Structures are given as structure tokens and as C-alpha cells.
Amino acid sequence: MPEPEFTNEREYVAPENSLQEALVAIWAEILGIEPGRISIDDDFFHLGGHSLKATIMAGKIRKEFMVDFSLAEIFRVPTIRSISALINVVTWDRDEEVGDDEDTNEVII
């Protein structure tokens, strides 16, 4: 049986910053897709993601960025563009709210 052909319905949009590049690398590893074929506007679930892969992605995001995503958040914001925007907001809020409190290292959203 032939391998399914990868098709992308959206126009390719390259990562705009290092955060998005890191997320593309995470998705490429989890989904088994070449990084250059993952647009920041692609939907994780349309590229072959499912709840188990989303759980793996949440763990990798937590490890790399110290931001805890719930599975519900990944279903709500399933693109690299939206996940990176959320990470930026959460880490900015954390930096503002944490201040000198070094005991707080992660944010749960």
C-alpha cells in the first residue's frame, strides 16, 4: 500500500522568531514531518496530531519553556502561532508577577 501523501491546505508561513522555530522542531519530532513543511498556521490535529501526541507536546513545551499547558488549551489553540503567542503572554505575566520571588518557576494555564 502506498504511503499517504502529505498535503497542506494552508499557505506555508515560516517561523517568525526563535520560539516558533523551537515549536516547529517539537512538532516535527512528534508528528514525524520535516520542519520545513510545518507552517506556523497549520493545525496540529490536521497534521496527524491526536490526544496522545498533544500530551507529549505539552510535556515538551513544559520542559523547554517552563509553561504548563492543559490538554484543553492545546485543543483550543492548535497552531504554532497561537501557542507561541500564549507562551509569550504567560511568560511575560510570570516575569511581571513573579518579580523577586524565585520559588515560582512555572505557570499553569
PDB file of N, CA and C in Angstrom:
ATOM      1  N   MET A   1       0.837  -1.174   0.000  1.00  0.00           N
ATOM      2  CA  MET A   1       0.000   0.000   0.000  1.00  0.00           C
ATOM      3  C   MET A   1       0.891   1.249   0.000  1.00  0.00           C
ATOM      4  N   PRO A   2       0.579   2.239  -0.826  1.00  0.00           N
ATOM      5  CA  PRO A   2       1.421   3.441  -0.870  1.00  0.00           C
ATOM      6  C   PRO A   2       1.282   4.274   0.400  1.00  0.00           C
ATOM      7  N   GLU A   3       2.362   4.987   0.726  1.00  0.00           N
ATOM      8  CA  GLU A   3       2.355   5.905   1.869  1.00  0.00           C
ATOM      9  C   GLU A   3       1.366   7.033   1.590  1.00  0.00           C
ATOM     10  N   PRO A   4       0.633   7.490   2.617  1.00  0.00           N
ATOM     11  CA  PRO A   4      -0.253   8.641   2.392  1.00  0.00           C
ATOM     12  C   PRO A   4       0.579   9.873   2.051  1.00  0.00           C
ATOM     13  N   GLU A   5       0.097  10.640   1.112  1.00  0.00           N
ATOM     14  CA  GLU A   5       0.819  11.836   0.699  1.00  0.00           C
ATOM     15  C   GLU A   5       0.484  12.990   1.644  1.00  0.00           C
ATOM     16  N   PHE A   6       1.522  13.705   2.072  1.00  0.00           N
ATOM     17  CA  PHE A   6       1.340  14.855   2.950  1.00  0.00           C
ATOM     18  C   PHE A   6       0.752  15.985   2.121  1.00  0.00           C
ATOM     19  N   THR A   7      -0.390  16.481   2.536  1.00  0.00           N
ATOM     20  CA  THR A   7      -0.976  17.634   1.865  1.00  0.00           C
ATOM     21  C   THR A   7      -1.229  18.724   2.893  1.00  0.00           C
ATOM     22  N   ASN A   8      -1.008  19.916   2.473  1.00  0.00           N
ATOM     23  CA  ASN A   8      -1.185  21.057   3.348  1.00  0.00           C
ATOM     24  C   ASN A   8      -2.140  22.025   2.654  1.00  0.00           C
ATOM     25  N   GLU A   9      -3.293  22.254   3.245  1.00  0.00           N
ATOM     26  CA  GLU A   9      -4.300  23.108   2.635  1.00  0.00           C
ATOM     27  C   GLU A   9      -3.969  24.592   2.788  1.00  0.00           C
ATOM     28  N   ARG A  10      -3.192  24.947   3.773  1.00  0.00           N
ATOM     29  CA  ARG A  10      -2.865  26.348   4.003  1.00  0.00           C
ATOM     30  C   ARG A  10      -1.568  26.718   3.289  1.00  0.00           C
ATOM     31  N   GLU A  11      -1.418  28.004   3.071  1.00  0.00           N
ATOM     32  CA  GLU A  11      -0.168  28.513   2.526  1.00  0.00           C
ATOM     33  C   GLU A  11       0.899  28.425   3.617  1.00  0.00           C
ATOM     34  N   TYR A  12       2.105  28.053   3.234  1.00  0.00           N
ATOM     35  CA  TYR A  12       3.189  27.924   4.196  1.00  0.00           C
ATOM     36  C   TYR A  12       3.585  29.298   4.735  1.00  0.00           C
ATOM     37  N   VAL A  13       3.672  29.398   6.066  1.00  0.00           N
ATOM     38  CA  VAL A  13       4.162  30.606   6.719  1.00  0.00           C
ATOM     39  C   VAL A  13       5.309  30.167   7.624  1.00  0.00           C
ATOM     40  N   ALA A  14       6.489  30.696   7.363  1.00  0.00           N
ATOM     41  CA  ALA A  14       7.695  30.317   8.100  1.00  0.00           C
ATOM     42  C   ALA A  14       7.664  30.867   9.526  1.00  0.00           C
ATOM     43  N   PRO A  15       8.402  30.228  10.431  1.00  0.00           N
ATOM     44  CA  PRO A  15       8.511  30.758  11.803  1.00  0.00           C
ATOM     45  C   PRO A  15       9.066  32.179  11.782  1.00  0.00           C
ATOM     46  N   GLU A  16       8.536  33.005  12.675  1.00  0.00           N
ATOM     47  CA  GLU A  16       8.912  34.419  12.724  1.00  0.00           C
ATOM     48  C   GLU A  16       9.936  34.726  13.806  1.00  0.00           C
ATOM     49  N   ASN A  17      10.187  33.767  14.704  1.00  0.00           N
ATOM     50  CA  ASN A  17      11.132  34.007  15.795  1.00  0.00           C
ATOM     51  C   ASN A  17      11.643  32.668  16.331  1.00  0.00           C
ATOM     52  N   SER A  18      12.554  32.734  17.275  1.00  0.00           N
ATOM     53  CA  SER A  18      13.172  31.509  17.799  1.00  0.00           C
ATOM     54  C   SER A  18      12.172  30.642  18.570  1.00  0.00           C
ATOM     55  N   LEU A  19      11.199  31.242  19.214  1.00  0.00           N
ATOM     56  CA  LEU A  19      10.174  30.473  19.917  1.00  0.00           C
ATOM     57  C   LEU A  19       9.384  29.625  18.922  1.00  0.00           C
ATOM     58  N   GLN A  20       8.952  30.231  17.842  1.00  0.00           N
ATOM     59  CA  GLN A  20       8.210  29.486  16.825  1.00  0.00           C
ATOM     60  C   GLN A  20       9.085  28.423  16.169  1.00  0.00           C
ATOM     61  N   GLU A  21      10.368  28.712  15.961  1.00  0.00           N
ATOM     62  CA  GLU A  21      11.277  27.705  15.411  1.00  0.00           C
ATOM     63  C   GLU A  21      11.398  26.506  16.350  1.00  0.00           C
ATOM     64  N   ALA A  22      11.456  26.765  17.645  1.00  0.00           N
ATOM     65  CA  ALA A  22      11.536  25.682  18.629  1.00  0.00           C
ATOM     66  C   ALA A  22      10.252  24.851  18.626  1.00  0.00           C
ATOM     67  N   LEU A  23       9.112  25.509  18.502  1.00  0.00           N
ATOM     68  CA  LEU A  23       7.842  24.787  18.445  1.00  0.00           C
ATOM     69  C   LEU A  23       7.736  23.945  17.169  1.00  0.00           C
ATOM     70  N   VAL A  24       8.218  24.475  16.049  1.00  0.00           N
ATOM     71  CA  VAL A  24       8.233  23.701  14.804  1.00  0.00           C
ATOM     72  C   VAL A  24       9.070  22.439  15.000  1.00  0.00           C
ATOM     73  N   ALA A  25      10.222  22.568  15.653  1.00  0.00           N
ATOM     74  CA  ALA A  25      11.082  21.405  15.893  1.00  0.00           C
ATOM     75  C   ALA A  25      10.370  20.365  16.764  1.00  0.00           C
ATOM     76  N   ILE A  26       9.641  20.828  17.782  1.00  0.00           N
ATOM     77  CA  ILE A  26       8.888  19.912  18.639  1.00  0.00           C
ATOM     78  C   ILE A  26       7.817  19.191  17.830  1.00  0.00           C
ATOM     79  N   TRP A  27       7.069  19.946  17.039  1.00  0.00           N
ATOM     80  CA  TRP A  27       6.019  19.333  16.217  1.00  0.00           C
ATOM     81  C   TRP A  27       6.613  18.342  15.230  1.00  0.00           C
ATOM     82  N   ALA A  28       7.723  18.708  14.587  1.00  0.00           N
ATOM     83  CA  ALA A  28       8.348  17.829  13.597  1.00  0.00           C
ATOM     84  C   ALA A  28       8.729  16.498  14.227  1.00  0.00           C
ATOM     85  N   GLU A  29       9.285  16.556  15.429  1.00  0.00           N
ATOM     86  CA  GLU A  29       9.669  15.336  16.138  1.00  0.00           C
ATOM     87  C   GLU A  29       8.438  14.487  16.474  1.00  0.00           C
ATOM     88  N   ILE A  30       7.426  15.109  17.014  1.00  0.00           N
ATOM     89  CA  ILE A  30       6.230  14.379  17.447  1.00  0.00           C
ATOM     90  C   ILE A  30       5.437  13.829  16.263  1.00  0.00           C
ATOM     91  N   LEU A  31       5.311  14.628  15.210  1.00  0.00           N
ATOM     92  CA  LEU A  31       4.459  14.251  14.079  1.00  0.00           C
ATOM     93  C   LEU A  31       5.206  13.490  12.983  1.00  0.00           C
ATOM     94  N   GLY A  32       6.549  13.492  13.050  1.00  0.00           N
ATOM     95  CA  GLY A  32       7.320  12.820  12.020  1.00  0.00           C
ATOM     96  C   GLY A  32       7.257  13.519  10.674  1.00  0.00           C
ATOM     97  N   ILE A  33       7.221  14.852  10.700  1.00  0.00           N
ATOM     98  CA  ILE A  33       7.142  15.678   9.497  1.00  0.00           C
ATOM     99  C   ILE A  33       8.402  16.541   9.445  1.00  0.00           C
ATOM    100  N   GLU A  34       8.926  16.753   8.249  1.00  0.00           N
ATOM    101  CA  GLU A  34      10.082  17.631   8.101  1.00  0.00           C
ATOM    102  C   GLU A  34       9.714  19.042   8.580  1.00  0.00           C
ATOM    103  N   PRO A  35      10.594  19.675   9.357  1.00  0.00           N
ATOM    104  CA  PRO A  35      10.277  21.013   9.883  1.00  0.00           C
ATOM    105  C   PRO A  35       9.905  22.028   8.802  1.00  0.00           C
ATOM    106  N   GLY A  36      10.522  21.955   7.645  1.00  0.00           N
ATOM    107  CA  GLY A  36      10.247  22.903   6.570  1.00  0.00           C
ATOM    108  C   GLY A  36       8.867  22.765   5.952  1.00  0.00           C
ATOM    109  N   ARG A  37       8.132  21.741   6.360  1.00  0.00           N
ATOM    110  CA  ARG A  37       6.776  21.538   5.836  1.00  0.00           C
ATOM    111  C   ARG A  37       5.712  21.950   6.845  1.00  0.00           C
ATOM    112  N   ILE A  38       6.125  22.457   7.998  1.00  0.00           N
ATOM    113  CA  ILE A  38       5.162  22.839   9.032  1.00  0.00           C
ATOM    114  C   ILE A  38       5.046  24.356   9.064  1.00  0.00           C
ATOM    115  N   SER A  39       3.879  24.845   8.719  1.00  0.00           N
ATOM    116  CA  SER A  39       3.592  26.275   8.751  1.00  0.00           C
ATOM    117  C   SER A  39       3.144  26.659  10.158  1.00  0.00           C
ATOM    118  N   ILE A  40       3.426  27.885  10.555  1.00  0.00           N
ATOM    119  CA  ILE A  40       3.012  28.316  11.890  1.00  0.00           C
ATOM    120  C   ILE A  40       1.498  28.442  12.006  1.00  0.00           C
ATOM    121  N   ASP A  41       0.791  28.385  10.881  1.00  0.00           N
ATOM    122  CA  ASP A  41      -0.669  28.457  10.897  1.00  0.00           C
ATOM    123  C   ASP A  41      -1.331  27.095  10.707  1.00  0.00           C
ATOM    124  N   ASP A  42      -0.532  26.018  10.599  1.00  0.00           N
ATOM    125  CA  ASP A  42      -1.097  24.681  10.493  1.00  0.00           C
ATOM    126  C   ASP A  42      -1.736  24.264  11.811  1.00  0.00           C
ATOM    127  N   ASP A  43      -2.787  23.484  11.699  1.00  0.00           N
ATOM    128  CA  ASP A  43      -3.475  22.937  12.865  1.00  0.00           C
ATOM    129  C   ASP A  43      -2.802  21.615  13.238  1.00  0.00           C
ATOM    130  N   PHE A  44      -2.362  21.495  14.475  1.00  0.00           N
ATOM    131  CA  PHE A  44      -1.682  20.297  14.968  1.00  0.00           C
ATOM    132  C   PHE A  44      -2.476  19.032  14.650  1.00  0.00           C
ATOM    133  N   PHE A  45      -3.770  19.080  14.828  1.00  0.00           N
ATOM    134  CA  PHE A  45      -4.614  17.909  14.652  1.00  0.00           C
ATOM    135  C   PHE A  45      -4.849  17.580  13.176  1.00  0.00           C
ATOM    136  N   HIS A  46      -4.787  18.570  12.303  1.00  0.00           N
ATOM    137  CA  HIS A  46      -4.917  18.320  10.870  1.00  0.00           C
ATOM    138  C   HIS A  46      -3.643  17.722  10.288  1.00  0.00           C
ATOM    139  N   LEU A  47      -2.536  17.862  10.998  1.00  0.00           N
ATOM    140  CA  LEU A  47      -1.263  17.293  10.549  1.00  0.00           C
ATOM    141  C   LEU A  47      -1.031  15.883  11.091  1.00  0.00           C
ATOM    142  N   GLY A  48      -2.026  15.329  11.762  1.00  0.00           N
ATOM    143  CA  GLY A  48      -1.894  13.973  12.278  1.00  0.00           C
ATOM    144  C   GLY A  48      -1.786  13.884  13.783  1.00  0.00           C
ATOM    145  N   GLY A  49      -1.871  15.013  14.470  1.00  0.00           N
ATOM    146  CA  GLY A  49      -1.840  15.008  15.929  1.00  0.00           C
ATOM    147  C   GLY A  49      -3.118  14.427  16.503  1.00  0.00           C
ATOM    148  N   HIS A  50      -3.016  13.879  17.674  1.00  0.00           N
ATOM    149  CA  HIS A  50      -4.168  13.381  18.418  1.00  0.00           C
ATOM    150  C   HIS A  50      -3.880  13.595  19.899  1.00  0.00           C
ATOM    151  N   SER A  51      -4.783  13.161  20.756  1.00  0.00           N
ATOM    152  CA  SER A  51      -4.663  13.495  22.173  1.00  0.00           C
ATOM    153  C   SER A  51      -3.372  12.965  22.804  1.00  0.00           C
ATOM    154  N   LEU A  52      -2.916  11.777  22.427  1.00  0.00           N
ATOM    155  CA  LEU A  52      -1.665  11.262  22.991  1.00  0.00           C
ATOM    156  C   LEU A  52      -0.472  12.104  22.538  1.00  0.00           C
ATOM    157  N   LYS A  53      -0.443  12.456  21.258  1.00  0.00           N
ATOM    158  CA  LYS A  53       0.638  13.307  20.749  1.00  0.00           C
ATOM    159  C   LYS A  53       0.552  14.705  21.363  1.00  0.00           C
ATOM    160  N   ALA A  54      -0.653  15.192  21.599  1.00  0.00           N
ATOM    161  CA  ALA A  54      -0.821  16.503  22.239  1.00  0.00           C
ATOM    162  C   ALA A  54      -0.290  16.463  23.669  1.00  0.00           C
ATOM    163  N   THR A  55      -0.489  15.353  24.355  1.00  0.00           N
ATOM    164  CA  THR A  55       0.039  15.192  25.713  1.00  0.00           C
ATOM    165  C   THR A  55       1.566  15.206  25.688  1.00  0.00           C
ATOM    166  N   ILE A  56       2.143  14.532  24.700  1.00  0.00           N
ATOM    167  CA  ILE A  56       3.606  14.538  24.549  1.00  0.00           C
ATOM    168  C   ILE A  56       4.087  15.954  24.268  1.00  0.00           C
ATOM    169  N   MET A  57       3.373  16.670  23.391  1.00  0.00           N
ATOM    170  CA  MET A  57       3.747  18.047  23.074  1.00  0.00           C
ATOM    171  C   MET A  57       3.689  18.926  24.323  1.00  0.00           C
ATOM    172  N   ALA A  58       2.649  18.780  25.113  1.00  0.00           N
ATOM    173  CA  ALA A  58       2.525  19.577  26.341  1.00  0.00           C
ATOM    174  C   ALA A  58       3.716  19.336  27.258  1.00  0.00           C
ATOM    175  N   GLY A  59       4.163  18.086  27.360  1.00  0.00           N
ATOM    176  CA  GLY A  59       5.320  17.776  28.190  1.00  0.00           C
ATOM    177  C   GLY A  59       6.591  18.411  27.659  1.00  0.00           C
ATOM    178  N   LYS A  60       6.773  18.403  26.354  1.00  0.00           N
ATOM    179  CA  LYS A  60       7.964  19.019  25.752  1.00  0.00           C
ATOM    180  C   LYS A  60       7.936  20.537  25.916  1.00  0.00           C
ATOM    181  N   ILE A  61       6.757  21.135  25.768  1.00  0.00           N
ATOM    182  CA  ILE A  61       6.636  22.588  25.972  1.00  0.00           C
ATOM    183  C   ILE A  61       6.949  22.934  27.422  1.00  0.00           C
ATOM    184  N   ARG A  62       6.434  22.143  28.337  1.00  0.00           N
ATOM    185  CA  ARG A  62       6.690  22.381  29.762  1.00  0.00           C
ATOM    186  C   ARG A  62       8.183  22.313  30.064  1.00  0.00           C
ATOM    187  N   LYS A  63       8.841  21.310  29.521  1.00  0.00           N
ATOM    188  CA  LYS A  63      10.273  21.127  29.773  1.00  0.00           C
ATOM    189  C   LYS A  63      11.098  22.260  29.167  1.00  0.00           C
ATOM    190  N   GLU A  64      10.780  22.638  27.939  1.00  0.00           N
ATOM    191  CA  GLU A  64      11.574  23.645  27.241  1.00  0.00           C
ATOM    192  C   GLU A  64      11.289  25.072  27.698  1.00  0.00           C
ATOM    193  N   PHE A  65      10.013  25.391  27.963  1.00  0.00           N
ATOM    194  CA  PHE A  65       9.636  26.782  28.226  1.00  0.00           C
ATOM    195  C   PHE A  65       9.116  27.027  29.634  1.00  0.00           C
ATOM    196  N   MET A  66       9.040  25.973  30.462  1.00  0.00           N
ATOM    197  CA  MET A  66       8.543  26.087  31.835  1.00  0.00           C
ATOM    198  C   MET A  66       7.132  26.690  31.875  1.00  0.00           C
ATOM    199  N   VAL A  67       6.304  26.259  30.917  1.00  0.00           N
ATOM    200  CA  VAL A  67       4.914  26.691  30.835  1.00  0.00           C
ATOM    201  C   VAL A  67       4.076  25.428  30.733  1.00  0.00           C
ATOM    202  N   ASP A  68       3.132  25.266  31.623  1.00  0.00           N
ATOM    203  CA  ASP A  68       2.307  24.068  31.662  1.00  0.00           C
ATOM    204  C   ASP A  68       1.013  24.296  30.902  1.00  0.00           C
ATOM    205  N   PHE A  69       0.830  23.580  29.799  1.00  0.00           N
ATOM    206  CA  PHE A  69      -0.395  23.655  29.020  1.00  0.00           C
ATOM    207  C   PHE A  69      -1.290  22.491  29.400  1.00  0.00           C
ATOM    208  N   SER A  70      -2.567  22.749  29.555  1.00  0.00           N
ATOM    209  CA  SER A  70      -3.512  21.651  29.734  1.00  0.00           C
ATOM    210  C   SER A  70      -3.843  21.104  28.350  1.00  0.00           C
ATOM    211  N   LEU A  71      -4.333  19.906  28.296  1.00  0.00           N
ATOM    212  CA  LEU A  71      -4.741  19.315  27.021  1.00  0.00           C
ATOM    213  C   LEU A  71      -5.851  20.153  26.384  1.00  0.00           C
ATOM    214  N   ALA A  72      -6.733  20.693  27.206  1.00  0.00           N
ATOM    215  CA  ALA A  72      -7.820  21.540  26.694  1.00  0.00           C
ATOM    216  C   ALA A  72      -7.265  22.776  25.984  1.00  0.00           C
ATOM    217  N   GLU A  73      -6.183  23.354  26.492  1.00  0.00           N
ATOM    218  CA  GLU A  73      -5.572  24.527  25.856  1.00  0.00           C
ATOM    219  C   GLU A  73      -5.018  24.177  24.486  1.00  0.00           C
ATOM    220  N   ILE A  74      -4.426  23.002  24.363  1.00  0.00           N
ATOM    221  CA  ILE A  74      -3.872  22.600  23.075  1.00  0.00           C
ATOM    222  C   ILE A  74      -4.996  22.423  22.051  1.00  0.00           C
ATOM    223  N   PHE A  75      -6.125  21.898  22.475  1.00  0.00           N
ATOM    224  CA  PHE A  75      -7.271  21.790  21.565  1.00  0.00           C
ATOM    225  C   PHE A  75      -7.812  23.168  21.216  1.00  0.00           C
ATOM    226  N   ARG A  76      -7.719  24.112  22.147  1.00  0.00           N
ATOM    227  CA  ARG A  76      -8.240  25.465  21.925  1.00  0.00           C
ATOM    228  C   ARG A  76      -7.311  26.291  21.038  1.00  0.00           C
ATOM    229  N   VAL A  77      -6.009  26.117  21.177  1.00  0.00           N
ATOM    230  CA  VAL A  77      -5.026  26.885  20.398  1.00  0.00           C
ATOM    231  C   VAL A  77      -4.075  25.921  19.689  1.00  0.00           C
ATOM    232  N   PRO A  78      -4.521  25.290  18.589  1.00  0.00           N
ATOM    233  CA  PRO A  78      -3.744  24.213  17.977  1.00  0.00           C
ATOM    234  C   PRO A  78      -2.745  24.621  16.896  1.00  0.00           C
ATOM    235  N   THR A  79      -2.370  25.904  16.843  1.00  0.00           N
ATOM    236  CA  THR A  79      -1.378  26.325  15.849  1.00  0.00           C
ATOM    237  C   THR A  79      -0.134  26.845  16.555  1.00  0.00           C
ATOM    238  N   ILE A  80       0.969  26.810  15.858  1.00  0.00           N
ATOM    239  CA  ILE A  80       2.216  27.326  16.422  1.00  0.00           C
ATOM    240  C   ILE A  80       2.084  28.812  16.700  1.00  0.00           C
ATOM    241  N   ARG A  81       1.432  29.536  15.800  1.00  0.00           N
ATOM    242  CA  ARG A  81       1.255  30.980  16.015  1.00  0.00           C
ATOM    243  C   ARG A  81       0.509  31.236  17.334  1.00  0.00           C
ATOM    244  N   SER A  82      -0.581  30.516  17.576  1.00  0.00           N
ATOM    245  CA  SER A  82      -1.373  30.766  18.781  1.00  0.00           C
ATOM    246  C   SER A  82      -0.686  30.238  20.041  1.00  0.00           C
ATOM    247  N   ILE A  83      -0.019  29.103  19.944  1.00  0.00           N
ATOM    248  CA  ILE A  83       0.702  28.574  21.108  1.00  0.00           C
ATOM    249  C   ILE A  83       1.845  29.509  21.488  1.00  0.00           C
ATOM    250  N   SER A  84       2.587  30.001  20.492  1.00  0.00           N
ATOM    251  CA  SER A  84       3.702  30.899  20.806  1.00  0.00           C
ATOM    252  C   SER A  84       3.205  32.209  21.404  1.00  0.00           C
ATOM    253  N   ALA A  85       2.071  32.715  20.912  1.00  0.00           N
ATOM    254  CA  ALA A  85       1.504  33.942  21.485  1.00  0.00           C
ATOM    255  C   ALA A  85       1.116  33.715  22.936  1.00  0.00           C
ATOM    256  N   LEU A  86       0.527  32.570  23.226  1.00  0.00           N
ATOM    257  CA  LEU A  86       0.135  32.254  24.594  1.00  0.00           C
ATOM    258  C   LEU A  86       1.353  32.094  25.501  1.00  0.00           C
ATOM    259  N   ILE A  87       2.387  31.439  24.996  1.00  0.00           N
ATOM    260  CA  ILE A  87       3.633  31.305  25.779  1.00  0.00           C
ATOM    261  C   ILE A  87       4.204  32.681  26.081  1.00  0.00           C
ATOM    262  N   ASN A  88       4.211  33.568  25.083  1.00  0.00           N
ATOM    263  CA  ASN A  88       4.729  34.924  25.300  1.00  0.00           C
ATOM    264  C   ASN A  88       3.935  35.670  26.359  1.00  0.00           C
ATOM    265  N   VAL A  89       2.619  35.553  26.315  1.00  0.00           N
ATOM    266  CA  VAL A  89       1.773  36.229  27.302  1.00  0.00           C
ATOM    267  C   VAL A  89       2.029  35.667  28.694  1.00  0.00           C
ATOM    268  N   VAL A  90       2.059  34.345  28.797  1.00  0.00           N
ATOM    269  CA  VAL A  90       2.237  33.710  30.109  1.00  0.00           C
ATOM    270  C   VAL A  90       3.612  34.024  30.683  1.00  0.00           C
ATOM    271  N   THR A  91       4.654  33.943  29.874  1.00  0.00           N
ATOM    272  CA  THR A  91       5.987  34.220  30.413  1.00  0.00           C
ATOM    273  C   THR A  91       6.160  35.696  30.725  1.00  0.00           C
ATOM    274  N   TRP A  92       5.520  36.573  29.947  1.00  0.00           N
ATOM    275  CA  TRP A  92       5.571  37.997  30.262  1.00  0.00           C
ATOM    276  C   TRP A  92       4.856  38.254  31.582  1.00  0.00           C
ATOM    277  N   ASP A  93       3.661  37.663  31.747  1.00  0.00           N
ATOM    278  CA  ASP A  93       2.925  37.814  33.002  1.00  0.00           C
ATOM    279  C   ASP A  93       3.727  37.247  34.166  1.00  0.00           C
ATOM    280  N   ARG A  94       4.348  36.117  33.955  1.00  0.00           N
ATOM    281  CA  ARG A  94       5.131  35.481  35.009  1.00  0.00           C
ATOM    282  C   ARG A  94       6.271  36.397  35.418  1.00  0.00           C
ATOM    283  N   ASP A  95       6.971  36.973  34.443  1.00  0.00           N
ATOM    284  CA  ASP A  95       8.074  37.868  34.765  1.00  0.00           C
ATOM    285  C   ASP A  95       7.583  39.088  35.536  1.00  0.00           C
ATOM    286  N   GLU A  96       6.421  39.595  35.152  1.00  0.00           N
ATOM    287  CA  GLU A  96       5.860  40.759  35.836  1.00  0.00           C
ATOM    288  C   GLU A  96       5.374  40.402  37.240  1.00  0.00           C
ATOM    289  N   GLU A  97       4.691  39.266  37.364  1.00  0.00           N
ATOM    290  CA  GLU A  97       4.091  38.890  38.637  1.00  0.00           C
ATOM    291  C   GLU A  97       5.083  38.243  39.592  1.00  0.00           C
ATOM    292  N   VAL A  98       6.051  37.505  39.020  1.00  0.00           N
ATOM    293  CA  VAL A  98       6.979  36.776  39.872  1.00  0.00           C
ATOM    294  C   VAL A  98       7.923  37.739  40.571  1.00  0.00           C
ATOM    295  N   GLY A  99       8.415  38.724  39.853  1.00  0.00           N
ATOM    296  CA  GLY A  99       9.320  39.699  40.459  1.00  0.00           C
ATOM    297  C   GLY A  99      10.520  39.024  41.073  1.00  0.00           C
ATOM    298  N   ASP A 100      10.709  39.204  42.382  1.00  0.00           N
ATOM    299  CA  ASP A 100      11.857  38.642  43.071  1.00  0.00           C
ATOM    300  C   ASP A 100      11.565  37.298  43.697  1.00  0.00           C
ATOM    301  N   ASP A 101      10.376  36.777  43.549  1.00  0.00           N
ATOM    302  CA  ASP A 101      10.009  35.501  44.148  1.00  0.00           C
ATOM    303  C   ASP A 101      10.592  34.370  43.311  1.00  0.00           C
ATOM    304  N   GLU A 102      11.731  33.858  43.697  1.00  0.00           N
ATOM    305  CA  GLU A 102      12.429  32.838  42.934  1.00  0.00           C
ATOM    306  C   GLU A 102      11.816  31.452  43.112  1.00  0.00           C
ATOM    307  N   ASP A 103      10.894  31.270  44.048  1.00  0.00           N
ATOM    308  CA  ASP A 103      10.272  29.972  44.272  1.00  0.00           C
ATOM    309  C   ASP A 103       9.251  29.614  43.209  1.00  0.00           C
ATOM    310  N   THR A 104       8.786  30.594  42.447  1.00  0.00           N
ATOM    311  CA  THR A 104       7.775  30.355  41.422  1.00  0.00           C
ATOM    312  C   THR A 104       8.469  30.242  40.086  1.00  0.00           C
ATOM    313  N   ASN A 105       8.537  29.001  39.528  1.00  0.00           N
ATOM    314  CA  ASN A 105       9.232  28.822  38.257  1.00  0.00           C
ATOM    315  C   ASN A 105       8.316  28.476  37.111  1.00  0.00           C
ATOM    316  N   GLU A 106       7.081  28.130  37.327  1.00  0.00           N
ATOM    317  CA  GLU A 106       6.251  27.765  36.213  1.00  0.00           C
ATOM    318  C   GLU A 106       4.848  28.312  36.365  1.00  0.00           C
ATOM    319  N   VAL A 107       4.178  28.399  35.254  1.00  0.00           N
ATOM    320  CA  VAL A 107       2.825  28.926  35.224  1.00  0.00           C
ATOM    321  C   VAL A 107       1.940  27.865  34.617  1.00  0.00           C
ATOM    322  N   ILE A 108       0.800  27.613  35.227  1.00  0.00           N
ATOM    323  CA  ILE A 108      -0.164  26.663  34.697  1.00  0.00           C
ATOM    324  C   ILE A 108      -1.290  27.444  34.080  1.00  0.00           C
ATOM    325  N   ILE A 109      -1.610  27.128  32.815  1.00  0.00           N
ATOM    326  CA  ILE A 109      -2.694  27.834  32.135  1.00  0.00           C
ATOM    327  C   ILE A 109      -3.806  26.880  31.781  1.00  0.00           C
TER     328      ILE A 109
END
